[in-house]
PDB file of all heavy atoms in Angstrom:
ATOM      1  N   LEU A   1      86.689 165.859 133.922  1.00  0.00           N
ATOM      2  CA  LEU A   1      87.958 165.735 133.200  1.00  0.00           C
ATOM      3  C   LEU A   1      87.923 164.550 132.233  1.00  0.00           C
ATOM      4  O   LEU A   1      88.401 164.645 131.094  1.00  0.00           O
ATOM      5  CB  LEU A   1      89.108 165.570 134.189  1.00  0.00           C
ATOM      6  CG  LEU A   1      89.507 166.819 134.991  1.00  0.00           C
ATOM      7  CD1 LEU A   1      90.533 166.453 136.062  1.00  0.00           C
ATOM      8  CD2 LEU A   1      90.066 167.891 134.061  1.00  0.00           C
ATOM      9  N   ALA A   2      87.361 163.444 132.684  1.00  0.00           N
ATOM     10  CA  ALA A   2      87.347 162.231 131.864  1.00  0.00           C
ATOM     11  C   ALA A   2      86.443 162.352 130.648  1.00  0.00           C
ATOM     12  O   ALA A   2      86.685 161.710 129.620  1.00  0.00           O
ATOM     13  CB  ALA A   2      86.914 161.040 132.709  1.00  0.00           C
ATOM     14  N   SER A   3      85.395 163.156 130.747  1.00  0.00           N
ATOM     15  CA  SER A   3      84.421 163.231 129.654  1.00  0.00           C
ATOM     16  C   SER A   3      84.608 164.437 128.747  1.00  0.00           C
ATOM     17  O   SER A   3      83.934 164.551 127.717  1.00  0.00           O
ATOM     18  CB  SER A   3      82.994 163.247 130.225  1.00  0.00           C
ATOM     19  OG  SER A   3      82.808 164.337 131.110  1.00  0.00           O
ATOM     20  N   GLY A   4      85.531 165.334 129.083  1.00  0.00           N
ATOM     21  CA  GLY A   4      85.707 166.570 128.324  1.00  0.00           C
ATOM     22  C   GLY A   4      86.715 166.484 127.195  1.00  0.00           C
ATOM     23  O   GLY A   4      87.028 165.413 126.675  1.00  0.00           O
ATOM     24  N   SER A   5      87.280 167.640 126.844  1.00  0.00           N
ATOM     25  CA  SER A   5      88.131 167.740 125.655  1.00  0.00           C
ATOM     26  C   SER A   5      89.476 167.048 125.808  1.00  0.00           C
ATOM     27  O   SER A   5      90.128 166.736 124.805  1.00  0.00           O
ATOM     28  CB  SER A   5      88.360 169.213 125.308  1.00  0.00           C
ATOM     29  OG  SER A   5      89.024 169.887 126.368  1.00  0.00           O
ATOM     30  N   ILE A   6      89.923 166.818 127.052  1.00  0.00           N
ATOM     31  CA  ILE A   6      91.178 166.075 127.231  1.00  0.00           C
ATOM     32  C   ILE A   6      90.894 164.612 127.548  1.00  0.00           C
ATOM     33  O   ILE A   6      91.804 163.864 127.891  1.00  0.00           O
ATOM     34  CB  ILE A   6      92.062 166.695 128.335  1.00  0.00           C
ATOM     35  CG1 ILE A   6      91.349 166.666 129.694  1.00  0.00           C
ATOM     36  CG2 ILE A   6      92.464 168.113 127.963  1.00  0.00           C
ATOM     37  CD1 ILE A   6      92.253 167.085 130.847  1.00  0.00           C
ATOM     38  N   GLY A   7      89.647 164.228 127.428  1.00  0.00           N
ATOM     39  CA  GLY A   7      89.245 162.847 127.670  1.00  0.00           C
ATOM     40  C   GLY A   7      88.391 162.323 126.541  1.00  0.00           C
ATOM     41  O   GLY A   7      88.788 162.361 125.365  1.00  0.00           O
ATOM     42  N   MET A   8      87.193 161.854 126.893  1.00  0.00           N
ATOM     43  CA  MET A   8      86.325 161.169 125.938  1.00  0.00           C
ATOM     44  C   MET A   8      85.963 162.021 124.718  1.00  0.00           C
ATOM     45  O   MET A   8      86.070 161.564 123.575  1.00  0.00           O
ATOM     46  CB  MET A   8      85.049 160.730 126.654  1.00  0.00           C
ATOM     47  CG  MET A   8      84.057 159.979 125.803  1.00  0.00           C
ATOM     48  SD  MET A   8      82.536 159.660 126.730  1.00  0.00           S
ATOM     49  CE  MET A   8      81.865 161.334 126.857  1.00  0.00           C
ATOM     50  N   ALA A   9      85.540 163.268 124.934  1.00  0.00           N
ATOM     51  CA  ALA A   9      85.142 164.121 123.813  1.00  0.00           C
ATOM     52  C   ALA A   9      86.329 164.412 122.896  1.00  0.00           C
ATOM     53  O   ALA A   9      86.194 164.433 121.668  1.00  0.00           O
ATOM     54  CB  ALA A   9      84.527 165.423 124.327  1.00  0.00           C
ATOM     55  N   GLY A  10      87.505 164.638 123.502  1.00  0.00           N
ATOM     56  CA  GLY A  10      88.691 164.867 122.693  1.00  0.00           C
ATOM     57  C   GLY A  10      89.065 163.650 121.864  1.00  0.00           C
ATOM     58  O   GLY A  10      89.459 163.769 120.688  1.00  0.00           O
ATOM     59  N   GLY A  11      88.940 162.466 122.456  1.00  0.00           N
ATOM     60  CA  GLY A  11      89.217 161.242 121.708  1.00  0.00           C
ATOM     61  C   GLY A  11      88.263 161.052 120.550  1.00  0.00           C
ATOM     62  O   GLY A  11      88.654 160.599 119.464  1.00  0.00           O
ATOM     63  N   GLN A  12      86.993 161.412 120.756  1.00  0.00           N
ATOM     64  CA  GLN A  12      86.017 161.315 119.674  1.00  0.00           C
ATOM     65  C   GLN A  12      86.357 162.283 118.543  1.00  0.00           C
ATOM     66  O   GLN A  12      86.204 161.956 117.367  1.00  0.00           O
ATOM     67  CB  GLN A  12      84.611 161.604 120.216  1.00  0.00           C
ATOM     68  CG  GLN A  12      83.515 161.608 119.159  1.00  0.00           C
ATOM     69  CD  GLN A  12      83.176 160.223 118.648  1.00  0.00           C
ATOM     70  OE1 GLN A  12      83.854 159.246 118.970  1.00  0.00           O
ATOM     71  NE2 GLN A  12      82.133 160.128 117.837  1.00  0.00           N
ATOM     72  N   ALA A  13      86.850 163.467 118.891  1.00  0.00           N
ATOM     73  CA  ALA A  13      87.250 164.435 117.864  1.00  0.00           C
ATOM     74  C   ALA A  13      88.396 163.885 117.017  1.00  0.00           C
ATOM     75  O   ALA A  13      88.393 164.023 115.783  1.00  0.00           O
ATOM     76  CB  ALA A  13      87.656 165.752 118.527  1.00  0.00           C
ATOM     77  N   ILE A  14      89.369 163.259 117.676  1.00  0.00           N
ATOM     78  CA  ILE A  14      90.482 162.650 116.946  1.00  0.00           C
ATOM     79  C   ILE A  14      89.973 161.526 116.059  1.00  0.00           C
ATOM     80  O   ILE A  14      90.395 161.373 114.898  1.00  0.00           O
ATOM     81  CB  ILE A  14      91.549 162.127 117.921  1.00  0.00           C
ATOM     82  CG1 ILE A  14      92.165 163.283 118.712  1.00  0.00           C
ATOM     83  CG2 ILE A  14      92.637 161.352 117.175  1.00  0.00           C
ATOM     84  CD1 ILE A  14      93.099 162.839 119.831  1.00  0.00           C
ATOM     85  N   ASP A  15      89.035 160.734 116.586  1.00  0.00           N
ATOM     86  CA  ASP A  15      88.466 159.615 115.830  1.00  0.00           C
ATOM     87  C   ASP A  15      87.796 160.108 114.555  1.00  0.00           C
ATOM     88  O   ASP A  15      88.003 159.553 113.465  1.00  0.00           O
ATOM     89  CB  ASP A  15      87.464 158.876 116.716  1.00  0.00           C
ATOM     90  CG  ASP A  15      86.983 157.565 116.112  1.00  0.00           C
ATOM     91  OD1 ASP A  15      87.659 157.045 115.201  1.00  0.00           O
ATOM     92  OD2 ASP A  15      85.939 157.064 116.544  1.00  0.00           O
ATOM     93  N   LEU A  16      86.992 161.144 114.663  1.00  0.00           N
ATOM     94  CA  LEU A  16      86.290 161.674 113.491  1.00  0.00           C
ATOM     95  C   LEU A  16      87.274 162.243 112.470  1.00  0.00           C
ATOM     96  O   LEU A  16      87.094 162.078 111.254  1.00  0.00           O
ATOM     97  CB  LEU A  16      85.295 162.753 113.924  1.00  0.00           C
ATOM     98  CG  LEU A  16      84.094 162.276 114.743  1.00  0.00           C
ATOM     99  CD1 LEU A  16      83.315 163.463 115.285  1.00  0.00           C
ATOM    100  CD2 LEU A  16      83.183 161.381 113.903  1.00  0.00           C
ATOM    101  N   ALA A  17      88.319 162.892 112.951  1.00  0.00           N
ATOM    102  CA  ALA A  17      89.298 163.494 112.057  1.00  0.00           C
ATOM    103  C   ALA A  17      90.193 162.458 111.381  1.00  0.00           C
ATOM    104  O   ALA A  17      90.821 162.751 110.358  1.00  0.00           O
ATOM    105  CB  ALA A  17      90.158 164.502 112.825  1.00  0.00           C
ATOM    106  N   SER A  18      90.244 161.248 111.938  1.00  0.00           N
ATOM    107  CA  SER A  18      91.160 160.227 111.416  1.00  0.00           C
ATOM    108  C   SER A  18      90.541 159.354 110.335  1.00  0.00           C
ATOM    109  O   SER A  18      91.239 158.519 109.743  1.00  0.00           O
ATOM    110  CB  SER A  18      91.637 159.336 112.563  1.00  0.00           C
ATOM    111  OG  SER A  18      90.575 158.530 113.059  1.00  0.00           O
ATOM    112  N   VAL A  19      89.238 159.505 110.080  1.00  0.00           N
ATOM    113  CA  VAL A  19      88.573 158.664 109.085  1.00  0.00           C
ATOM    114  C   VAL A  19      89.248 158.844 107.723  1.00  0.00           C
ATOM    115  O   VAL A  19      89.424 159.964 107.235  1.00  0.00           O
ATOM    116  CB  VAL A  19      87.075 159.007 108.982  1.00  0.00           C
ATOM    117  CG1 VAL A  19      86.431 158.215 107.842  1.00  0.00           C
ATOM    118  CG2 VAL A  19      86.368 158.712 110.297  1.00  0.00           C
ATOM    119  N   GLY A  20      89.647 157.727 107.126  1.00  0.00           N
ATOM    120  CA  GLY A  20      90.280 157.765 105.813  1.00  0.00           C
ATOM    121  C   GLY A  20      91.762 158.069 105.859  1.00  0.00           C
ATOM    122  O   GLY A  20      92.417 158.140 104.817  1.00  0.00           O
ATOM    123  N   HIS A  21      92.313 158.255 107.070  1.00  0.00           N
ATOM    124  CA  HIS A  21      93.733 158.556 107.228  1.00  0.00           C
ATOM    125  C   HIS A  21      94.440 157.397 107.929  1.00  0.00           C
ATOM    126  O   HIS A  21      93.815 156.611 108.634  1.00  0.00           O
ATOM    127  CB  HIS A  21      93.937 159.836 108.027  1.00  0.00           C
ATOM    128  CG  HIS A  21      93.365 161.058 107.374  1.00  0.00           C
ATOM    129  ND1 HIS A  21      93.989 161.723 106.343  1.00  0.00           N
ATOM    130  CD2 HIS A  21      92.195 161.720 107.599  1.00  0.00           C
ATOM    131  CE1 HIS A  21      93.256 162.750 105.969  1.00  0.00           C
ATOM    132  NE2 HIS A  21      92.144 162.764 106.708  1.00  0.00           N
ATOM    133  N   THR A  22      95.731 157.321 107.752  1.00  0.00           N
ATOM    134  CA  THR A  22      96.526 156.297 108.411  1.00  0.00           C
ATOM    135  C   THR A  22      97.140 156.871 109.680  1.00  0.00           C
ATOM    136  O   THR A  22      97.792 157.920 109.637  1.00  0.00           O
ATOM    137  CB  THR A  22      97.652 155.790 107.484  1.00  0.00           C
ATOM    138  OG1 THR A  22      97.060 155.240 106.304  1.00  0.00           O
ATOM    139  CG2 THR A  22      98.467 154.716 108.173  1.00  0.00           C
ATOM    140  N   LEU A  23      96.909 156.197 110.786  1.00  0.00           N
ATOM    141  CA  LEU A  23      97.505 156.600 112.053  1.00  0.00           C
ATOM    142  C   LEU A  23      98.636 155.660 112.415  1.00  0.00           C
ATOM    143  O   LEU A  23      98.609 154.475 112.071  1.00  0.00           O
ATOM    144  CB  LEU A  23      96.464 156.580 113.173  1.00  0.00           C
ATOM    145  CG  LEU A  23      95.264 157.524 113.081  1.00  0.00           C
ATOM    146  CD1 LEU A  23      94.413 157.397 114.339  1.00  0.00           C
ATOM    147  CD2 LEU A  23      95.710 158.960 112.884  1.00  0.00           C
ATOM    148  N   THR A  24      99.622 156.176 113.118  1.00  0.00           N
ATOM    149  CA  THR A  24     100.637 155.303 113.685  1.00  0.00           C
ATOM    150  C   THR A  24     100.028 154.590 114.891  1.00  0.00           C
ATOM    151  O   THR A  24      98.982 154.995 115.418  1.00  0.00           O
ATOM    152  CB  THR A  24     101.869 156.095 114.142  1.00  0.00           C
ATOM    153  OG1 THR A  24     101.486 156.965 115.226  1.00  0.00           O
ATOM    154  CG2 THR A  24     102.439 156.926 112.998  1.00  0.00           C
ATOM    155  N   ARG A  25     100.689 153.561 115.353  1.00  0.00           N
ATOM    156  CA  ARG A  25     100.190 152.850 116.526  1.00  0.00           C
ATOM    157  C   ARG A  25     100.153 153.778 117.735  1.00  0.00           C
ATOM    158  O   ARG A  25      99.206 153.720 118.535  1.00  0.00           O
ATOM    159  CB  ARG A  25     101.069 151.634 116.802  1.00  0.00           C
ATOM    160  CG  ARG A  25     100.651 150.857 118.035  1.00  0.00           C
ATOM    161  CD  ARG A  25     101.406 149.555 118.141  1.00  0.00           C
ATOM    162  NE  ARG A  25     101.171 148.910 119.432  1.00  0.00           N
ATOM    163  CZ  ARG A  25     101.664 147.718 119.775  1.00  0.00           C
ATOM    164  NH1 ARG A  25     102.394 147.029 118.910  1.00  0.00           N
ATOM    165  NH2 ARG A  25     101.407 147.207 120.961  1.00  0.00           N
ATOM    166  N   ALA A  26     101.148 154.649 117.869  1.00  0.00           N
ATOM    167  CA  ALA A  26     101.180 155.580 118.996  1.00  0.00           C
ATOM    168  C   ALA A  26     100.005 156.555 118.931  1.00  0.00           C
ATOM    169  O   ALA A  26      99.380 156.872 119.955  1.00  0.00           O
ATOM    170  CB  ALA A  26     102.498 156.343 119.010  1.00  0.00           C
ATOM    171  N   GLN A  27      99.685 157.042 117.731  1.00  0.00           N
ATOM    172  CA  GLN A  27      98.548 157.951 117.574  1.00  0.00           C
ATOM    173  C   GLN A  27      97.230 157.248 117.884  1.00  0.00           C
ATOM    174  O   GLN A  27      96.334 157.829 118.510  1.00  0.00           O
ATOM    175  CB  GLN A  27      98.521 158.513 116.151  1.00  0.00           C
ATOM    176  CG  GLN A  27      99.650 159.484 115.845  1.00  0.00           C
ATOM    177  CD  GLN A  27      99.710 159.867 114.372  1.00  0.00           C
ATOM    178  OE1 GLN A  27      99.424 159.052 113.486  1.00  0.00           O
ATOM    179  NE2 GLN A  27     100.072 161.113 114.106  1.00  0.00           N
ATOM    180  N   LEU A  28      97.118 156.007 117.449  1.00  0.00           N
ATOM    181  CA  LEU A  28      95.907 155.228 117.718  1.00  0.00           C
ATOM    182  C   LEU A  28      95.735 155.012 119.223  1.00  0.00           C
ATOM    183  O   LEU A  28      94.623 155.142 119.756  1.00  0.00           O
ATOM    184  CB  LEU A  28      95.977 153.878 117.001  1.00  0.00           C
ATOM    185  CG  LEU A  28      94.753 152.970 117.139  1.00  0.00           C
ATOM    186  CD1 LEU A  28      93.544 153.586 116.446  1.00  0.00           C
ATOM    187  CD2 LEU A  28      95.044 151.580 116.560  1.00  0.00           C
TER     188      LEU A  28
END
């Protein structure tokens, strides 16, 4: 659970998609 799409891998996907974009503090 921790390493899959609702954990680490999912966070990495959000990280890659956020490059060049502004996130709110809550989104970060």
